[in-house]
Amino acid sequence: MGIRSESLKETGHKNVARLAVRICPHKIMVKTEQKTIQKDGRELQLVAILVSIQPGDNVESQLGLMVDTLYQWYKKYGDACREFTVRFFGSNENHEALMTYLPLLIQQEEPLRPLFAQLGQVNVFFISPNGIVMKESKLMIG
């Protein structure tokens, strides 16, 4: 399964930083937002997971919570899963850790391979501790 990263152009997610600051008051480390959309007479599922890493937090445990959330989402919705977005709130060092971790997750979590294959990409937003979107990208899977 090949993975490549590209920058997102105009994404319609202009309020991501404001939303992240509002829903992540530094007490919540992993927060999930789910949305159902109608397309071609089917209900499809979108999920956005906000991962907040504060100084002194264990990055791996927070990312493990994100993976647990993905397993639950896929188990519940299966073929209806259509979009996965990670909104990562933390320092530059933690952003680098996430970009190292995500491709490994996609390649190594065998039970989630069908999910990633049907999604085709993962949207990633990096948000600074003061709420500024520093980078938007997408990991292409295929």
Protein backbone atom coordinates (compact mmCIF):
# COMPACT_ATOMS: atom_id res chain seq x y z
CA MET A 1 0.00 0.00 0.00
CA GLY A 2 1.68 3.23 -1.15
CA ILE A 3 1.41 6.46 0.80
CA ARG A 4 2.29 9.97 -0.29
CA SER A 5 1.74 13.35 1.29
CA GLU A 6 0.55 16.47 -0.47
CA SER A 7 -0.50 19.89 0.67
CA LEU A 8 -4.18 20.66 0.69
CA LYS A 9 -5.24 23.62 -1.38
CA GLU A 10 -8.48 25.47 -0.58
CA THR A 11 -10.20 22.97 1.69
CA GLY A 12 -13.15 24.75 3.17
CA HIS A 13 -11.71 24.15 6.65
CA LYS A 14 -10.91 27.80 7.36
CA ASN A 15 -12.39 27.66 10.84
CA VAL A 16 -10.44 24.58 11.91
CA ALA A 17 -8.13 26.52 14.21
CA ARG A 18 -10.96 28.39 15.90
CA LEU A 19 -12.88 25.14 16.30
CA ALA A 20 -9.82 23.35 17.70
CA VAL A 21 -9.22 26.04 20.30
CA ARG A 22 -12.91 26.04 21.25
CA ILE A 23 -13.33 22.26 21.57
CA CYS A 24 -9.91 21.47 23.01
CA PRO A 25 -9.41 23.35 26.27
CA HIS A 26 -6.16 21.40 26.96
CA LYS A 27 -8.01 18.99 29.26
CA ILE A 28 -9.33 16.81 26.46
CA MET A 29 -6.53 14.92 24.76
CA VAL A 30 -8.51 13.12 22.04
CA LYS A 31 -11.89 14.37 20.82
CA THR A 32 -13.99 12.92 18.03
CA GLU A 33 -16.50 14.64 15.79
CA GLN A 34 -18.66 12.49 13.53
CA LYS A 35 -20.88 13.61 10.72
CA THR A 36 -23.35 11.77 8.51
CA ILE A 37 -23.88 12.91 4.92
CA GLN A 38 -26.31 11.71 2.25
CA LYS A 39 -24.89 10.73 -1.13
CA ASP A 40 -26.58 8.70 -3.85
CA GLY A 41 -29.28 7.65 -1.40
CA ARG A 42 -26.75 6.33 1.14
CA GLU A 43 -25.71 7.61 4.52
CA LEU A 44 -21.94 8.04 4.61
CA GLN A 45 -19.79 8.70 7.67
CA LEU A 46 -17.08 11.30 8.21
CA VAL A 47 -14.91 11.48 11.30
CA ALA A 48 -12.51 14.14 12.53
CA ILE A 49 -10.26 13.33 15.45
CA LEU A 50 -8.63 16.15 17.36
CA VAL A 51 -5.45 15.02 19.11
CA SER A 52 -4.01 17.49 21.61
CA ILE A 53 -0.49 16.96 22.92
CA GLN A 54 0.64 19.16 25.79
CA PRO A 55 4.17 19.44 27.19
CA GLY A 56 4.89 16.31 29.23
CA ASP A 57 2.18 14.22 27.52
CA ASN A 58 3.02 10.82 26.10
CA VAL A 59 2.60 11.20 22.32
CA GLU A 60 2.32 7.45 21.75
CA SER A 61 -0.52 7.01 24.24
CA GLN A 62 -2.49 9.89 22.70
CA LEU A 63 -2.00 8.43 19.23
CA GLY A 64 -3.06 5.05 20.63
CA LEU A 65 -6.35 6.64 21.71
CA MET A 66 -6.77 7.92 18.16
CA VAL A 67 -6.25 4.39 16.79
CA ASP A 68 -8.78 2.97 19.26
CA THR A 69 -11.29 5.57 18.05
CA LEU A 70 -10.65 4.56 14.42
CA TYR A 71 -11.27 0.90 15.24
CA GLN A 72 -14.58 1.79 16.94
CA TRP A 73 -15.68 4.01 14.04
CA TYR A 74 -14.85 1.36 11.43
CA LYS A 75 -16.51 -1.40 13.45
CA LYS A 76 -19.70 0.65 13.79
CA TYR A 77 -19.98 2.00 10.22
CA GLY A 78 -17.90 -0.31 7.98
CA ASP A 79 -18.47 0.40 4.28
CA ALA A 80 -20.19 3.71 5.09
CA CYS A 81 -16.88 5.26 6.32
CA ARG A 82 -15.84 7.90 3.78
CA GLU A 83 -13.55 10.54 5.31
CA PHE A 84 -10.98 10.63 8.11
CA THR A 85 -9.42 13.88 9.27
CA VAL A 86 -6.81 14.34 12.00
CA ARG A 87 -6.61 17.76 13.62
CA PHE A 88 -3.36 17.73 15.52
CA PHE A 89 -2.93 20.39 18.21
CA GLY A 90 0.62 20.63 19.55
CA SER A 91 4.25 21.65 19.04
CA ASN A 92 6.35 21.26 15.88
CA GLU A 93 8.18 18.29 17.41
CA ASN A 94 4.89 16.53 18.06
CA HIS A 95 3.72 17.31 14.52
CA GLU A 96 6.82 15.54 13.21
CA ALA A 97 6.08 12.55 15.43
CA LEU A 98 2.55 12.35 14.03
CA MET A 99 3.76 12.50 10.42
CA THR A 100 6.14 9.64 11.20
CA TYR A 101 3.41 7.68 12.97
CA LEU A 102 0.50 8.04 10.50
CA PRO A 103 2.11 6.20 7.56
CA LEU A 104 3.22 3.43 9.94
CA LEU A 105 -0.32 3.16 11.29
CA ILE A 106 -1.71 2.88 7.78
CA GLN A 107 0.80 0.20 6.80
CA GLN A 108 0.96 -1.84 10.02
CA GLU A 109 -2.61 -1.96 11.39
CA GLU A 110 -3.77 -4.88 9.24
CA PRO A 111 -7.40 -4.86 10.46
CA LEU A 112 -7.67 -1.19 9.36
CA ARG A 113 -6.19 -1.72 5.87
CA PRO A 114 -9.61 -2.14 4.24
CA LEU A 115 -10.73 1.12 5.88
CA PHE A 116 -7.72 3.06 4.60
CA ALA A 117 -8.10 1.52 1.13
CA GLN A 118 -11.73 2.66 0.91
CA LEU A 119 -10.87 6.14 2.24
CA GLY A 120 -8.00 6.69 -0.21
CA GLN A 121 -6.57 9.54 1.84
CA VAL A 122 -6.25 10.98 5.34
CA ASN A 123 -6.60 14.74 5.83
CA VAL A 124 -4.17 16.20 8.38
CA PHE A 125 -4.25 19.65 9.97
CA PHE A 126 -1.42 20.85 12.21
CA ILE A 127 -2.54 23.51 14.65
CA SER A 128 -0.13 25.48 16.84
CA PRO A 129 -0.65 25.73 20.62
CA ASN A 130 -2.10 29.22 20.06
CA GLY A 131 -4.66 27.97 17.51
CA ILE A 132 -3.07 28.85 14.17
CA VAL A 133 -3.28 26.31 11.35
CA MET A 134 0.39 25.83 10.52
CA LYS A 135 0.03 23.17 7.84
CA GLU A 136 -2.70 21.32 5.98
CA SER A 137 -1.86 18.15 4.11
CA LYS A 138 -3.29 14.88 3.02
CA LEU A 139 -1.77 11.44 2.99
CA MET A 140 -2.73 9.67 -0.22
CA ILE A 141 -3.20 5.92 0.18
CA GLY A 142 -3.06 3.59 -2.75
